[in-house]
Each structure stands twice: as structure tokens, then as C-alpha cells.
Amino acid sequence: MVSLQVLQGPADLRDAAKAIYDAVYPSSDWTPVGFEEAERYDTVHYRNALTAARSASMLLSETGDGRLL
């Protein structure tokens, strides 16, 4: 389990993962649960959003921008 709650990661990374989750999975047609429940149960949808948020963070930090998103 790679939950941000377990890792107590930065709030910005969690916020980015939630924004990605909500954009990619906009309704129950795409995923049966909302972000918080997906995070709690470490669903594949949550893990995908977390991976995307981490990737975006790394790419932005490499540009020297210093901001997550």
C-alpha cells in the first residue's frame, strides 16, 4: 500500500492526486468510489492518480519551477 496518508506526504501531492483522480474518473461510470474511499482502499484508480501526480511533480521540479502544479 502506497497511500499518501500512510506516508504522510505533502498536502500538495495529495491535492494533485485528487485533482487528477477527479479529472480522469469524473463519475461513477468510470470508478465506483470517490477519491477518499479509493485512497483508503488503495484502489488501482487511486494508485494511477498518485503515480501521475508524482510524475508531474518530478517533471515540474526538474524545470526549476519549484511549484507542484
PDB file of N, CA and C in Angstrom:
ATOM      1  N   MET A   1       0.845  -1.179   0.000  1.00  0.00           N
ATOM      2  CA  MET A   1       0.000   0.000   0.000  1.00  0.00           C
ATOM      3  C   MET A   1       0.887   1.237   0.000  1.00  0.00           C
ATOM      4  N   VAL A   2       0.611   2.173  -0.898  1.00  0.00           N
ATOM      5  CA  VAL A   2       1.448   3.350  -1.066  1.00  0.00           C
ATOM      6  C   VAL A   2       0.654   4.620  -0.784  1.00  0.00           C
ATOM      7  N   SER A   3      -0.268   4.548   0.129  1.00  0.00           N
ATOM      8  CA  SER A   3      -1.167   5.661   0.406  1.00  0.00           C
ATOM      9  C   SER A   3      -0.413   6.870   0.924  1.00  0.00           C
ATOM     10  N   LEU A   4      -0.847   8.048   0.487  1.00  0.00           N
ATOM     11  CA  LEU A   4      -0.261   9.281   1.000  1.00  0.00           C
ATOM     12  C   LEU A   4      -0.555   9.447   2.479  1.00  0.00           C
ATOM     13  N   GLN A   5      -1.687   8.928   2.939  1.00  0.00           N
ATOM     14  CA  GLN A   5      -1.997   9.014   4.358  1.00  0.00           C
ATOM     15  C   GLN A   5      -0.982   8.222   5.159  1.00  0.00           C
ATOM     16  N   VAL A   6      -0.609   7.058   4.672  1.00  0.00           N
ATOM     17  CA  VAL A   6       0.373   6.234   5.367  1.00  0.00           C
ATOM     18  C   VAL A   6       1.734   6.914   5.335  1.00  0.00           C
ATOM     19  N   LEU A   7       2.109   7.440   4.165  1.00  0.00           N
ATOM     20  CA  LEU A   7       3.398   8.094   4.033  1.00  0.00           C
ATOM     21  C   LEU A   7       3.410   9.491   4.648  1.00  0.00           C
ATOM     22  N   GLN A   8       2.227  10.044   4.904  1.00  0.00           N
ATOM     23  CA  GLN A   8       2.083  11.410   5.373  1.00  0.00           C
ATOM     24  C   GLN A   8       2.852  12.361   4.476  1.00  0.00           C
ATOM     25  N   GLY A   9       2.614  12.204   3.177  1.00  0.00           N
ATOM     26  CA  GLY A   9       3.278  13.033   2.184  1.00  0.00           C
ATOM     27  C   GLY A   9       2.718  14.439   2.168  1.00  0.00           C
ATOM     28  N   PRO A  10       3.302  15.270   1.318  1.00  0.00           N
ATOM     29  CA  PRO A  10       2.883  16.663   1.247  1.00  0.00           C
ATOM     30  C   PRO A  10       1.427  16.798   0.807  1.00  0.00           C
ATOM     31  N   ALA A  11       0.760  17.764   1.392  1.00  0.00           N
ATOM     32  CA  ALA A  11      -0.642  18.016   1.035  1.00  0.00           C
ATOM     33  C   ALA A  11      -0.772  18.381  -0.433  1.00  0.00           C
ATOM     34  N   ASP A  12       0.218  19.075  -0.993  1.00  0.00           N
ATOM     35  CA  ASP A  12       0.157  19.447  -2.407  1.00  0.00           C
ATOM     36  C   ASP A  12       0.121  18.222  -3.307  1.00  0.00           C
ATOM     37  N   LEU A  13       0.879  17.192  -2.968  1.00  0.00           N
ATOM     38  CA  LEU A  13       0.893  15.973  -3.775  1.00  0.00           C
ATOM     39  C   LEU A  13      -0.452  15.263  -3.680  1.00  0.00           C
ATOM     40  N   ARG A  14      -1.026  15.222  -2.502  1.00  0.00           N
ATOM     41  CA  ARG A  14      -2.356  14.617  -2.334  1.00  0.00           C
ATOM     42  C   ARG A  14      -3.390  15.410  -3.115  1.00  0.00           C
ATOM     43  N   ASP A  15      -3.313  16.736  -3.027  1.00  0.00           N
ATOM     44  CA  ASP A  15      -4.252  17.588  -3.764  1.00  0.00           C
ATOM     45  C   ASP A  15      -4.125  17.362  -5.271  1.00  0.00           C
ATOM     46  N   ALA A  16      -2.898  17.208  -5.747  1.00  0.00           N
ATOM     47  CA  ALA A  16      -2.687  16.951  -7.167  1.00  0.00           C
ATOM     48  C   ALA A  16      -3.257  15.588  -7.559  1.00  0.00           C
ATOM     49  N   ALA A  17      -3.039  14.583  -6.716  1.00  0.00           N
ATOM     50  CA  ALA A  17      -3.584  13.252  -6.992  1.00  0.00           C
ATOM     51  C   ALA A  17      -5.105  13.294  -7.022  1.00  0.00           C
ATOM     52  N   LYS A  18      -5.711  14.051  -6.117  1.00  0.00           N
ATOM     53  CA  LYS A  18      -7.171  14.172  -6.102  1.00  0.00           C
ATOM     54  C   LYS A  18      -7.671  14.883  -7.356  1.00  0.00           C
ATOM     55  N   ALA A  19      -6.994  15.936  -7.764  1.00  0.00           N
ATOM     56  CA  ALA A  19      -7.395  16.665  -8.975  1.00  0.00           C
ATOM     57  C   ALA A  19      -7.300  15.761 -10.204  1.00  0.00           C
ATOM     58  N   ILE A  20      -6.239  14.981 -10.279  1.00  0.00           N
ATOM     59  CA  ILE A  20      -6.079  14.048 -11.401  1.00  0.00           C
ATOM     60  C   ILE A  20      -7.160  12.981 -11.343  1.00  0.00           C
ATOM     61  N   TYR A  21      -7.390  12.427 -10.178  1.00  0.00           N
ATOM     62  CA  TYR A  21      -8.413  11.399  -9.992  1.00  0.00           C
ATOM     63  C   TYR A  21      -9.775  11.924 -10.443  1.00  0.00           C
ATOM     64  N   ASP A  22     -10.132  13.126  -9.977  1.00  0.00           N
ATOM     65  CA  ASP A  22     -11.434  13.701 -10.310  1.00  0.00           C
ATOM     66  C   ASP A  22     -11.561  14.015 -11.797  1.00  0.00           C
ATOM     67  N   ALA A  23     -10.455  14.397 -12.434  1.00  0.00           N
ATOM     68  CA  ALA A  23     -10.491  14.713 -13.864  1.00  0.00           C
ATOM     69  C   ALA A  23     -10.562  13.455 -14.724  1.00  0.00           C
ATOM     70  N   VAL A  24      -9.828  12.439 -14.328  1.00  0.00           N
ATOM     71  CA  VAL A  24      -9.772  11.213 -15.133  1.00  0.00           C
ATOM     72  C   VAL A  24     -10.966  10.308 -14.871  1.00  0.00           C
ATOM     73  N   TYR A  25     -11.453  10.324 -13.644  1.00  0.00           N
ATOM     74  CA  TYR A  25     -12.594   9.489 -13.259  1.00  0.00           C
ATOM     75  C   TYR A  25     -13.731  10.402 -12.776  1.00  0.00           C
ATOM     76  N   PRO A  26     -14.399  11.115 -13.705  1.00  0.00           N
ATOM     77  CA  PRO A  26     -15.349  12.162 -13.314  1.00  0.00           C
ATOM     78  C   PRO A  26     -16.671  11.680 -12.727  1.00  0.00           C
ATOM     79  N   SER A  27     -16.985  10.407 -12.866  1.00  0.00           N
ATOM     80  CA  SER A  27     -18.277   9.944 -12.350  1.00  0.00           C
ATOM     81  C   SER A  27     -18.202   8.472 -11.990  1.00  0.00           C
ATOM     82  N   SER A  28     -19.285   7.978 -11.442  1.00  0.00           N
ATOM     83  CA  SER A  28     -19.329   6.564 -11.072  1.00  0.00           C
ATOM     84  C   SER A  28     -19.324   5.649 -12.297  1.00  0.00           C
ATOM     85  N   ASP A  29     -19.473   6.217 -13.482  1.00  0.00           N
ATOM     86  CA  ASP A  29     -19.333   5.413 -14.698  1.00  0.00           C
ATOM     87  C   ASP A  29     -17.887   4.959 -14.888  1.00  0.00           C
ATOM     88  N   TRP A  30     -16.948   5.737 -14.327  1.00  0.00           N
ATOM     89  CA  TRP A  30     -15.526   5.451 -14.501  1.00  0.00           C
ATOM     90  C   TRP A  30     -14.935   4.678 -13.334  1.00  0.00           C
ATOM     91  N   THR A  31     -15.392   4.972 -12.135  1.00  0.00           N
ATOM     92  CA  THR A  31     -14.914   4.288 -10.935  1.00  0.00           C
ATOM     93  C   THR A  31     -16.049   4.265  -9.907  1.00  0.00           C
ATOM     94  N   PRO A  32     -16.174   3.197  -9.166  1.00  0.00           N
ATOM     95  CA  PRO A  32     -17.320   3.060  -8.262  1.00  0.00           C
ATOM     96  C   PRO A  32     -17.226   3.875  -6.970  1.00  0.00           C
ATOM     97  N   VAL A  33     -16.070   4.455  -6.672  1.00  0.00           N
ATOM     98  CA  VAL A  33     -15.910   5.172  -5.399  1.00  0.00           C
ATOM     99  C   VAL A  33     -15.246   6.527  -5.629  1.00  0.00           C
ATOM    100  N   GLY A  34     -15.451   7.438  -4.693  1.00  0.00           N
ATOM    101  CA  GLY A  34     -14.795   8.738  -4.738  1.00  0.00           C
ATOM    102  C   GLY A  34     -13.348   8.642  -4.298  1.00  0.00           C
ATOM    103  N   PHE A  35     -12.639   9.761  -4.390  1.00  0.00           N
ATOM    104  CA  PHE A  35     -11.207   9.784  -4.105  1.00  0.00           C
ATOM    105  C   PHE A  35     -10.866   9.300  -2.702  1.00  0.00           C
ATOM    106  N   GLU A  36     -11.556   9.819  -1.693  1.00  0.00           N
ATOM    107  CA  GLU A  36     -11.217   9.458  -0.311  1.00  0.00           C
ATOM    108  C   GLU A  36     -11.344   7.960  -0.062  1.00  0.00           C
ATOM    109  N   GLU A  37     -12.406   7.361  -0.578  1.00  0.00           N
ATOM    110  CA  GLU A  37     -12.582   5.921  -0.398  1.00  0.00           C
ATOM    111  C   GLU A  37     -11.542   5.145  -1.218  1.00  0.00           C
ATOM    112  N   ALA A  38     -11.260   5.617  -2.410  1.00  0.00           N
ATOM    113  CA  ALA A  38     -10.236   4.968  -3.235  1.00  0.00           C
ATOM    114  C   ALA A  38      -8.877   5.028  -2.542  1.00  0.00           C
ATOM    115  N   GLU A  39      -8.598   6.155  -1.908  1.00  0.00           N
ATOM    116  CA  GLU A  39      -7.347   6.311  -1.161  1.00  0.00           C
ATOM    117  C   GLU A  39      -7.315   5.344   0.022  1.00  0.00           C
ATOM    118  N   ARG A  40      -8.419   5.275   0.738  1.00  0.00           N
ATOM    119  CA  ARG A  40      -8.498   4.395   1.912  1.00  0.00           C
ATOM    120  C   ARG A  40      -8.255   2.939   1.540  1.00  0.00           C
ATOM    121  N   TYR A  41      -8.835   2.507   0.404  1.00  0.00           N
ATOM    122  CA  TYR A  41      -8.717   1.102   0.000  1.00  0.00           C
ATOM    123  C   TYR A  41      -7.593   0.864  -1.007  1.00  0.00           C
ATOM    124  N   ASP A  42      -6.830   1.906  -1.307  1.00  0.00           N
ATOM    125  CA  ASP A  42      -5.667   1.796  -2.189  1.00  0.00           C
ATOM    126  C   ASP A  42      -6.036   1.142  -3.521  1.00  0.00           C
ATOM    127  N   THR A  43      -7.090   1.661  -4.158  1.00  0.00           N
ATOM    128  CA  THR A  43      -7.557   1.078  -5.419  1.00  0.00           C
ATOM    129  C   THR A  43      -6.583   1.368  -6.557  1.00  0.00           C
ATOM    130  N   VAL A  44      -6.734   0.636  -7.630  1.00  0.00           N
ATOM    131  CA  VAL A  44      -5.887   0.864  -8.801  1.00  0.00           C
ATOM    132  C   VAL A  44      -6.106   2.275  -9.340  1.00  0.00           C
ATOM    133  N   HIS A  45      -7.312   2.776  -9.253  1.00  0.00           N
ATOM    134  CA  HIS A  45      -7.596   4.134  -9.719  1.00  0.00           C
ATOM    135  C   HIS A  45      -6.819   5.161  -8.892  1.00  0.00           C
ATOM    136  N   TYR A  46      -6.800   4.957  -7.596  1.00  0.00           N
ATOM    137  CA  TYR A  46      -6.049   5.845  -6.708  1.00  0.00           C
ATOM    138  C   TYR A  46      -4.548   5.762  -7.006  1.00  0.00           C
ATOM    139  N   ARG A  47      -4.039   4.555  -7.133  1.00  0.00           N
ATOM    140  CA  ARG A  47      -2.608   4.387  -7.404  1.00  0.00           C
ATOM    141  C   ARG A  47      -2.214   5.034  -8.730  1.00  0.00           C
ATOM    142  N   ASN A  48      -3.078   4.951  -9.733  1.00  0.00           N
ATOM    143  CA  ASN A  48      -2.796   5.596 -11.018  1.00  0.00           C
ATOM    144  C   ASN A  48      -2.738   7.113 -10.866  1.00  0.00           C
ATOM    145  N   ALA A  49      -3.678   7.679 -10.123  1.00  0.00           N
ATOM    146  CA  ALA A  49      -3.693   9.129  -9.912  1.00  0.00           C
ATOM    147  C   ALA A  49      -2.464   9.566  -9.115  1.00  0.00           C
ATOM    148  N   LEU A  50      -2.076   8.778  -8.122  1.00  0.00           N
ATOM    149  CA  LEU A  50      -0.896   9.091  -7.318  1.00  0.00           C
ATOM    150  C   LEU A  50       0.370   9.034  -8.169  1.00  0.00           C
ATOM    151  N   THR A  51       0.481   8.044  -9.013  1.00  0.00           N
ATOM    152  CA  THR A  51       1.631   7.931  -9.909  1.00  0.00           C
ATOM    153  C   THR A  51       1.697   9.131 -10.845  1.00  0.00           C
ATOM    154  N   ALA A  52       0.555   9.529 -11.388  1.00  0.00           N
ATOM    155  CA  ALA A  52       0.518  10.696 -12.276  1.00  0.00           C
ATOM    156  C   ALA A  52       0.924  11.965 -11.535  1.00  0.00           C
ATOM    157  N   ALA A  53       0.462  12.123 -10.308  1.00  0.00           N
ATOM    158  CA  ALA A  53       0.822  13.303  -9.515  1.00  0.00           C
ATOM    159  C   ALA A  53       2.318  13.323  -9.216  1.00  0.00           C
ATOM    160  N   ARG A  54       2.872  12.184  -8.878  1.00  0.00           N
ATOM    161  CA  ARG A  54       4.320  12.120  -8.613  1.00  0.00           C
ATOM    162  C   ARG A  54       5.114  12.418  -9.872  1.00  0.00           C
ATOM    163  N   SER A  55       4.672  11.889 -11.009  1.00  0.00           N
ATOM    164  CA  SER A  55       5.360  12.141 -12.278  1.00  0.00           C
ATOM    165  C   SER A  55       5.325  13.624 -12.623  1.00  0.00           C
ATOM    166  N   ALA A  56       4.159  14.233 -12.468  1.00  0.00           N
ATOM    167  CA  ALA A  56       4.032  15.662 -12.749  1.00  0.00           C
ATOM    168  C   ALA A  56       4.923  16.472 -11.815  1.00  0.00           C
ATOM    169  N   SER A  57       4.957  16.095 -10.551  1.00  0.00           N
ATOM    170  CA  SER A  57       5.788  16.798  -9.588  1.00  0.00           C
ATOM    171  C   SER A  57       7.262  16.715  -9.962  1.00  0.00           C
ATOM    172  N   MET A  58       7.721  15.532 -10.343  1.00  0.00           N
ATOM    173  CA  MET A  58       9.125  15.366 -10.729  1.00  0.00           C
ATOM    174  C   MET A  58       9.449  16.176 -11.979  1.00  0.00           C
ATOM    175  N   LEU A  59       8.547  16.146 -12.953  1.00  0.00           N
ATOM    176  CA  LEU A  59       8.792  16.895 -14.183  1.00  0.00           C
ATOM    177  C   LEU A  59       8.852  18.392 -13.908  1.00  0.00           C
ATOM    178  N   LEU A  60       7.944  18.888 -13.077  1.00  0.00           N
ATOM    179  CA  LEU A  60       7.940  20.312 -12.769  1.00  0.00           C
ATOM    180  C   LEU A  60       9.148  20.705 -11.932  1.00  0.00           C
ATOM    181  N   SER A  61       9.571  19.841 -11.025  1.00  0.00           N
ATOM    182  CA  SER A  61      10.728  20.183 -10.203  1.00  0.00           C
ATOM    183  C   SER A  61      12.001  20.194 -11.045  1.00  0.00           C
ATOM    184  N   GLU A  62      12.050  19.383 -12.091  1.00  0.00           N
ATOM    185  CA  GLU A  62      13.217  19.370 -12.981  1.00  0.00           C
ATOM    186  C   GLU A  62      13.311  20.649 -13.800  1.00  0.00           C
ATOM    187  N   THR A  63      12.197  21.334 -14.013  1.00  0.00           N
ATOM    188  CA  THR A  63      12.218  22.575 -14.781  1.00  0.00           C
ATOM    189  C   THR A  63      12.684  23.739 -13.930  1.00  0.00           C
ATOM    190  N   GLY A  64      12.811  23.518 -12.625  1.00  0.00           N
ATOM    191  CA  GLY A  64      13.227  24.578 -11.740  1.00  0.00           C
ATOM    192  C   GLY A  64      12.086  25.491 -11.335  1.00  0.00           C
ATOM    193  N   ASP A  65      10.886  25.125 -11.724  1.00  0.00           N
ATOM    194  CA  ASP A  65       9.716  25.948 -11.409  1.00  0.00           C
ATOM    195  C   ASP A  65       9.478  26.016  -9.907  1.00  0.00           C
ATOM    196  N   GLY A  66       9.727  24.930  -9.200  1.00  0.00           N
ATOM    197  CA  GLY A  66       9.569  24.910  -7.758  1.00  0.00           C
ATOM    198  C   GLY A  66       8.149  24.708  -7.278  1.00  0.00           C
ATOM    199  N   ARG A  67       7.198  24.715  -8.172  1.00  0.00           N
ATOM    200  CA  ARG A  67       5.808  24.525  -7.792  1.00  0.00           C
ATOM    201  C   ARG A  67       5.374  23.120  -8.223  1.00  0.00           C
ATOM    202  N   LEU A  68       4.430  22.577  -7.479  1.00  0.00           N
ATOM    203  CA  LEU A  68       3.909  21.255  -7.869  1.00  0.00           C
ATOM    204  C   LEU A  68       3.093  21.382  -9.117  1.00  0.00           C
ATOM    205  N   LEU A  69       2.050  22.164  -9.095  1.00  0.00           N
ATOM    206  CA  LEU A  69       1.207  22.361 -10.265  1.00  0.00           C
ATOM    207  C   LEU A  69       0.743  23.793 -10.345  1.00  0.00           C
TER     208      LEU A  69
END
